[in-house]
């Protein structure tokens, strides 16, 4: 079996997705400053901004933490969307859940095909990373 060369795969969509995450982080930062009604909401928006910035910068630099942050942000988005669908039980919300799950699967397929291009660092301060 012939193994394909992974380094020649184009990464244009990954760069676009990373830039969108950085812009999303800037938007969440603006929301946390301008529109947050209380400290808890502002805290969640700042956390979202940090995750979006980390995802964008990690994907732009092709670092492993970018993929980990991407998985975390997609997990949080899916849980939030399913939770809101269970509260409302509407067809529109169900369609948005299906669309978000489909987007998650497509993003995971795209980035997992390019995972060999990423630099994976060992986390030295975790005991199970050795």
N, C-alpha and C. Protein backbone atom coordinates (compact mmCIF):
# COMPACT_ATOMS: atom_id res chain seq x y z
N UNK A 1 0.84 -1.17 0.00
CA UNK A 1 0.00 0.00 0.00
C UNK A 1 0.89 1.23 0.00
N UNK A 2 0.54 2.21 -0.80
CA UNK A 2 1.30 3.43 -0.93
C UNK A 2 0.76 4.46 0.05
N UNK A 3 1.67 5.01 0.85
CA UNK A 3 1.27 6.03 1.81
C UNK A 3 1.34 7.40 1.15
N UNK A 4 0.29 8.18 1.28
CA UNK A 4 0.25 9.49 0.66
C UNK A 4 1.09 10.49 1.45
N UNK A 5 1.62 11.45 0.75
CA UNK A 5 2.37 12.53 1.37
C UNK A 5 1.38 13.57 1.91
N UNK A 6 1.41 13.79 3.21
CA UNK A 6 0.44 14.68 3.85
C UNK A 6 0.86 16.15 3.84
N UNK A 7 2.13 16.43 3.57
CA UNK A 7 2.59 17.81 3.70
C UNK A 7 2.15 18.70 2.54
N UNK A 8 1.72 18.12 1.43
CA UNK A 8 1.33 18.92 0.27
C UNK A 8 -0.16 19.26 0.23
N UNK A 9 -0.89 18.86 1.24
CA UNK A 9 -2.32 19.16 1.26
C UNK A 9 -2.53 20.66 1.50
N UNK A 10 -3.45 21.27 0.75
CA UNK A 10 -3.71 22.70 0.98
C UNK A 10 -4.39 22.92 2.33
N UNK A 11 -4.11 24.04 2.92
CA UNK A 11 -4.62 24.36 4.26
C UNK A 11 -5.38 25.68 4.24
N UNK A 12 -5.91 26.06 3.09
CA UNK A 12 -6.60 27.35 2.97
C UNK A 12 -7.81 27.44 3.88
N UNK A 13 -8.63 26.40 3.92
CA UNK A 13 -9.81 26.44 4.78
C UNK A 13 -9.41 26.53 6.25
N UNK A 14 -8.33 25.84 6.62
CA UNK A 14 -7.85 25.92 8.00
C UNK A 14 -7.44 27.33 8.38
N UNK A 15 -6.80 28.03 7.47
CA UNK A 15 -6.39 29.42 7.73
C UNK A 15 -7.64 30.30 7.86
N UNK A 16 -8.61 30.10 6.97
CA UNK A 16 -9.85 30.89 7.04
C UNK A 16 -10.58 30.62 8.36
N UNK A 17 -10.66 29.35 8.76
CA UNK A 17 -11.34 28.99 10.01
C UNK A 17 -10.60 29.59 11.20
N UNK A 18 -9.26 29.60 11.14
CA UNK A 18 -8.47 30.18 12.22
C UNK A 18 -8.70 31.68 12.32
N UNK A 19 -8.74 32.37 11.19
CA UNK A 19 -8.98 33.81 11.20
C UNK A 19 -10.38 34.12 11.73
N UNK A 20 -11.36 33.31 11.35
CA UNK A 20 -12.72 33.50 11.88
C UNK A 20 -12.75 33.31 13.40
N UNK A 21 -11.96 32.37 13.91
CA UNK A 21 -11.90 32.18 15.36
C UNK A 21 -11.26 33.37 16.06
N UNK A 22 -10.21 33.92 15.48
CA UNK A 22 -9.58 35.11 16.07
C UNK A 22 -10.57 36.28 16.05
N UNK A 23 -11.28 36.46 14.94
CA UNK A 23 -12.29 37.53 14.87
C UNK A 23 -13.43 37.28 15.87
N UNK A 24 -13.81 36.01 16.03
CA UNK A 24 -14.82 35.67 17.03
C UNK A 24 -14.35 35.99 18.43
N UNK A 25 -13.06 35.74 18.70
CA UNK A 25 -12.51 36.10 20.01
C UNK A 25 -12.55 37.59 20.25
N UNK A 26 -12.26 38.38 19.21
CA UNK A 26 -12.35 39.84 19.35
C UNK A 26 -13.79 40.27 19.59
N UNK A 27 -14.74 39.64 18.91
CA UNK A 27 -16.15 39.97 19.10
C UNK A 27 -16.62 39.59 20.51
N UNK A 28 -16.22 38.42 21.01
CA UNK A 28 -16.60 38.02 22.37
C UNK A 28 -15.99 38.97 23.40
N UNK A 29 -14.77 39.44 23.13
CA UNK A 29 -14.16 40.41 24.04
C UNK A 29 -14.97 41.70 24.06
N UNK A 30 -15.36 42.17 22.88
CA UNK A 30 -16.19 43.38 22.82
C UNK A 30 -17.52 43.17 23.54
N UNK A 31 -18.13 42.00 23.34
CA UNK A 31 -19.40 41.72 24.02
C UNK A 31 -19.24 41.71 25.53
N UNK A 32 -18.13 41.14 26.00
CA UNK A 32 -17.93 41.06 27.46
C UNK A 32 -17.75 42.45 28.07
N UNK A 33 -17.20 43.37 27.31
CA UNK A 33 -17.00 44.73 27.83
C UNK A 33 -18.25 45.58 27.65
N UNK A 34 -18.87 45.50 26.48
CA UNK A 34 -19.95 46.44 26.15
C UNK A 34 -21.35 45.94 26.51
N UNK A 35 -21.58 44.66 26.43
CA UNK A 35 -22.96 44.17 26.54
C UNK A 35 -23.25 43.27 27.72
N UNK A 36 -22.25 42.86 28.48
CA UNK A 36 -22.51 41.93 29.58
C UNK A 36 -23.35 42.60 30.66
N UNK A 37 -24.37 41.89 31.12
CA UNK A 37 -25.27 42.46 32.11
C UNK A 37 -24.82 42.19 33.54
N UNK A 38 -24.03 41.14 33.74
CA UNK A 38 -23.53 40.85 35.08
C UNK A 38 -22.15 40.21 34.98
N UNK A 39 -21.54 39.99 36.12
CA UNK A 39 -20.18 39.47 36.15
C UNK A 39 -20.06 38.05 35.64
N UNK A 40 -21.06 37.22 35.88
CA UNK A 40 -21.01 35.83 35.43
C UNK A 40 -21.07 35.76 33.91
N UNK A 41 -21.96 36.53 33.31
CA UNK A 41 -22.05 36.57 31.86
C UNK A 41 -20.76 37.09 31.24
N UNK A 42 -20.20 38.12 31.84
CA UNK A 42 -18.93 38.67 31.34
C UNK A 42 -17.81 37.63 31.47
N UNK A 43 -17.81 36.89 32.55
CA UNK A 43 -16.80 35.85 32.74
C UNK A 43 -16.89 34.76 31.68
N UNK A 44 -18.11 34.32 31.36
CA UNK A 44 -18.28 33.32 30.32
C UNK A 44 -17.87 33.85 28.95
N UNK A 45 -18.16 35.12 28.69
CA UNK A 45 -17.76 35.71 27.41
C UNK A 45 -16.24 35.85 27.31
N UNK A 46 -15.59 36.18 28.40
CA UNK A 46 -14.13 36.26 28.39
C UNK A 46 -13.53 34.88 28.19
N UNK A 47 -14.10 33.86 28.83
CA UNK A 47 -13.65 32.48 28.63
C UNK A 47 -13.83 32.07 27.17
N UNK A 48 -14.96 32.42 26.57
CA UNK A 48 -15.20 32.12 25.16
C UNK A 48 -14.21 32.84 24.27
N UNK A 49 -13.89 34.08 24.63
CA UNK A 49 -12.92 34.84 23.84
C UNK A 49 -11.54 34.19 23.90
N UNK A 50 -11.13 33.76 25.09
CA UNK A 50 -9.82 33.11 25.22
C UNK A 50 -9.76 31.80 24.44
N UNK A 51 -10.83 31.01 24.49
CA UNK A 51 -10.86 29.76 23.74
C UNK A 51 -10.82 30.04 22.24
N UNK A 52 -11.56 31.05 21.78
CA UNK A 52 -11.57 31.39 20.36
C UNK A 52 -10.20 31.89 19.91
N UNK A 53 -9.57 32.76 20.70
CA UNK A 53 -8.22 33.23 20.36
C UNK A 53 -7.23 32.08 20.34
N UNK A 54 -7.30 31.21 21.35
CA UNK A 54 -6.39 30.06 21.40
C UNK A 54 -6.58 29.12 20.23
N UNK A 55 -7.83 28.89 19.86
CA UNK A 55 -8.11 28.04 18.70
C UNK A 55 -7.56 28.66 17.43
N UNK A 56 -7.84 29.94 17.24
CA UNK A 56 -7.37 30.61 16.03
C UNK A 56 -5.86 30.63 15.92
N UNK A 57 -5.18 30.99 17.00
CA UNK A 57 -3.72 31.06 16.94
C UNK A 57 -3.10 29.67 16.81
N UNK A 58 -3.68 28.69 17.48
CA UNK A 58 -3.16 27.33 17.36
C UNK A 58 -3.33 26.76 15.97
N UNK A 59 -4.47 27.05 15.34
CA UNK A 59 -4.69 26.56 13.98
C UNK A 59 -3.83 27.32 12.97
N UNK A 60 -3.62 28.62 13.19
CA UNK A 60 -2.76 29.38 12.28
C UNK A 60 -1.31 28.89 12.34
N UNK A 61 -0.85 28.55 13.55
CA UNK A 61 0.53 28.09 13.72
C UNK A 61 0.68 26.58 13.55
N UNK A 62 -0.43 25.90 13.30
CA UNK A 62 -0.46 24.44 13.16
C UNK A 62 0.14 23.76 14.39
N UNK A 63 -0.37 24.13 15.54
CA UNK A 63 0.04 23.53 16.81
C UNK A 63 -1.06 22.61 17.30
N UNK A 64 -0.68 21.62 18.06
CA UNK A 64 -1.64 20.64 18.55
C UNK A 64 -2.69 21.23 19.46
N UNK A 65 -2.32 22.25 20.24
CA UNK A 65 -3.31 22.83 21.15
C UNK A 65 -4.45 23.50 20.38
N UNK A 66 -4.21 23.91 19.13
CA UNK A 66 -5.28 24.47 18.32
C UNK A 66 -6.38 23.46 18.07
N UNK A 67 -5.98 22.20 17.81
CA UNK A 67 -6.98 21.15 17.61
C UNK A 67 -7.70 20.82 18.91
N UNK A 68 -6.97 20.84 20.04
CA UNK A 68 -7.63 20.58 21.32
C UNK A 68 -8.64 21.67 21.65
N UNK A 69 -8.27 22.93 21.43
CA UNK A 69 -9.21 24.02 21.67
C UNK A 69 -10.39 23.96 20.71
N UNK A 70 -10.14 23.55 19.47
CA UNK A 70 -11.24 23.40 18.51
C UNK A 70 -12.23 22.36 19.00
N UNK A 71 -11.72 21.22 19.46
CA UNK A 71 -12.60 20.17 19.98
C UNK A 71 -13.38 20.65 21.20
N UNK A 72 -12.71 21.40 22.08
CA UNK A 72 -13.39 21.92 23.27
C UNK A 72 -14.49 22.91 22.88
N UNK A 73 -14.20 23.80 21.95
CA UNK A 73 -15.21 24.79 21.56
C UNK A 73 -16.39 24.14 20.85
N UNK A 74 -16.12 23.13 20.03
CA UNK A 74 -17.23 22.43 19.37
C UNK A 74 -18.07 21.64 20.37
N UNK A 75 -17.42 21.06 21.37
CA UNK A 75 -18.16 20.33 22.40
C UNK A 75 -19.07 21.27 23.19
N UNK A 76 -18.53 22.42 23.57
CA UNK A 76 -19.33 23.40 24.32
C UNK A 76 -20.49 23.90 23.47
N UNK A 77 -20.25 24.18 22.19
CA UNK A 77 -21.32 24.67 21.31
C UNK A 77 -22.41 23.62 21.14
N UNK A 78 -22.01 22.36 20.97
CA UNK A 78 -23.01 21.30 20.80
C UNK A 78 -23.82 21.09 22.08
N UNK A 79 -23.17 21.09 23.22
CA UNK A 79 -23.90 20.91 24.49
C UNK A 79 -24.86 22.06 24.71
N UNK A 80 -24.43 23.28 24.43
CA UNK A 80 -25.30 24.44 24.61
C UNK A 80 -26.49 24.39 23.66
N UNK A 81 -26.25 23.99 22.42
CA UNK A 81 -27.35 23.93 21.44
C UNK A 81 -28.35 22.82 21.81
N UNK A 82 -27.87 21.68 22.24
CA UNK A 82 -28.76 20.58 22.64
C UNK A 82 -29.54 20.97 23.89
N UNK A 83 -28.87 21.64 24.84
CA UNK A 83 -29.56 22.07 26.06
C UNK A 83 -30.68 23.05 25.74
N UNK A 84 -30.43 23.98 24.83
CA UNK A 84 -31.48 24.95 24.48
C UNK A 84 -32.60 24.28 23.68
N UNK A 85 -32.27 23.26 22.88
CA UNK A 85 -33.31 22.53 22.15
C UNK A 85 -34.20 21.77 23.12
N UNK A 86 -33.60 21.16 24.14
CA UNK A 86 -34.40 20.43 25.13
C UNK A 86 -35.31 21.36 25.91
N UNK A 87 -34.91 22.61 26.09
CA UNK A 87 -35.75 23.57 26.80
C UNK A 87 -36.93 24.05 25.94
N UNK A 88 -36.70 24.21 24.63
CA UNK A 88 -37.75 24.76 23.76
C UNK A 88 -38.57 23.70 23.04
N UNK A 89 -37.91 22.63 22.59
CA UNK A 89 -38.57 21.56 21.82
C UNK A 89 -39.24 22.07 20.55
N UNK A 90 -38.53 22.92 19.79
CA UNK A 90 -39.09 23.43 18.55
C UNK A 90 -38.36 22.80 17.36
N UNK A 91 -39.01 22.81 16.21
CA UNK A 91 -38.43 22.23 15.00
C UNK A 91 -37.24 23.05 14.52
N UNK A 92 -37.32 24.38 14.63
CA UNK A 92 -36.20 25.23 14.21
C UNK A 92 -34.95 24.92 15.02
N UNK A 93 -35.13 24.75 16.33
CA UNK A 93 -33.98 24.45 17.19
C UNK A 93 -33.44 23.06 16.89
N UNK A 94 -34.32 22.12 16.57
CA UNK A 94 -33.86 20.77 16.22
C UNK A 94 -33.05 20.79 14.93
N UNK A 95 -33.47 21.58 13.96
CA UNK A 95 -32.71 21.69 12.71
C UNK A 95 -31.35 22.35 12.94
N UNK A 96 -31.29 23.32 13.85
CA UNK A 96 -30.00 23.94 14.14
C UNK A 96 -29.07 22.97 14.88
N UNK A 97 -29.63 22.09 15.71
CA UNK A 97 -28.82 21.05 16.37
C UNK A 97 -28.24 20.11 15.33
N UNK A 98 -29.06 19.68 14.39
CA UNK A 98 -28.58 18.78 13.34
C UNK A 98 -27.51 19.46 12.48
N UNK A 99 -27.74 20.73 12.14
CA UNK A 99 -26.76 21.47 11.33
C UNK A 99 -25.44 21.63 12.08
N UNK A 100 -25.50 21.92 13.37
CA UNK A 100 -24.27 22.08 14.14
C UNK A 100 -23.53 20.75 14.29
N UNK A 101 -24.26 19.67 14.49
CA UNK A 101 -23.60 18.36 14.57
C UNK A 101 -22.96 17.98 13.24
N UNK A 102 -23.62 18.30 12.12
CA UNK A 102 -23.04 18.04 10.81
C UNK A 102 -21.79 18.89 10.59
N UNK A 103 -21.84 20.16 10.98
CA UNK A 103 -20.67 21.02 10.88
C UNK A 103 -19.52 20.48 11.73
N UNK A 104 -19.83 20.01 12.91
CA UNK A 104 -18.80 19.43 13.79
C UNK A 104 -18.14 18.23 13.15
N UNK A 105 -18.93 17.34 12.57
CA UNK A 105 -18.36 16.15 11.92
C UNK A 105 -17.49 16.55 10.74
N UNK A 106 -17.95 17.49 9.92
CA UNK A 106 -17.16 17.92 8.77
C UNK A 106 -15.86 18.60 9.19
N UNK A 107 -15.91 19.45 10.22
CA UNK A 107 -14.68 20.08 10.71
C UNK A 107 -13.70 19.06 11.26
N UNK A 108 -14.21 18.09 12.01
CA UNK A 108 -13.33 17.06 12.56
C UNK A 108 -12.68 16.24 11.45
N UNK A 109 -13.42 15.91 10.42
CA UNK A 109 -12.85 15.16 9.29
C UNK A 109 -11.76 15.99 8.62
N UNK A 110 -12.03 17.27 8.38
CA UNK A 110 -11.06 18.12 7.70
C UNK A 110 -9.77 18.23 8.51
N UNK A 111 -9.90 18.55 9.80
CA UNK A 111 -8.69 18.79 10.59
C UNK A 111 -7.98 17.49 10.97
N UNK A 112 -8.69 16.38 11.10
CA UNK A 112 -8.01 15.13 11.41
C UNK A 112 -7.22 14.62 10.22
N UNK A 113 -7.66 14.93 9.01
CA UNK A 113 -6.87 14.56 7.83
C UNK A 113 -5.56 15.34 7.78
N UNK A 114 -5.53 16.50 8.40
CA UNK A 114 -4.34 17.34 8.39
C UNK A 114 -3.59 17.31 9.71
N UNK A 115 -3.93 16.41 10.60
CA UNK A 115 -3.31 16.37 11.93
C UNK A 115 -1.82 16.07 11.87
N UNK A 116 -1.36 15.39 10.84
CA UNK A 116 0.07 15.10 10.74
C UNK A 116 0.89 16.35 10.46
N UNK A 117 0.27 17.38 9.92
CA UNK A 117 0.98 18.63 9.64
C UNK A 117 1.22 19.44 10.91
N UNK A 118 0.52 19.11 11.98
CA UNK A 118 0.58 19.90 13.20
C UNK A 118 1.77 19.46 14.05
N UNK A 119 2.29 20.40 14.84
CA UNK A 119 3.36 20.10 15.77
C UNK A 119 2.73 19.77 17.11
N UNK A 120 3.01 18.58 17.61
CA UNK A 120 2.43 18.12 18.87
C UNK A 120 3.50 18.19 19.95
N UNK A 121 3.27 19.03 20.94
CA UNK A 121 4.21 19.19 22.04
C UNK A 121 3.80 18.28 23.19
N UNK A 122 4.79 17.80 23.90
CA UNK A 122 4.49 17.07 25.13
C UNK A 122 4.28 18.08 26.25
N UNK A 123 3.26 17.86 27.01
CA UNK A 123 3.00 18.73 28.15
C UNK A 123 3.79 18.17 29.31
N UNK A 124 4.85 18.86 29.69
CA UNK A 124 5.79 18.34 30.69
C UNK A 124 5.23 18.33 32.10
N UNK A 125 4.26 19.16 32.39
CA UNK A 125 3.79 19.23 33.77
C UNK A 125 2.66 18.27 34.07
N UNK A 126 2.21 17.49 33.07
CA UNK A 126 1.20 16.48 33.32
C UNK A 126 1.88 15.13 33.55
N UNK A 127 1.58 14.45 34.64
CA UNK A 127 2.28 13.19 34.92
C UNK A 127 1.97 12.09 33.92
N UNK A 128 0.79 12.08 33.30
CA UNK A 128 0.43 11.02 32.38
C UNK A 128 0.89 11.30 30.95
N UNK A 129 1.59 12.42 30.70
CA UNK A 129 2.02 12.78 29.36
C UNK A 129 3.36 12.13 29.00
N UNK A 130 3.97 11.43 29.94
CA UNK A 130 5.29 10.83 29.66
C UNK A 130 5.16 9.42 29.19
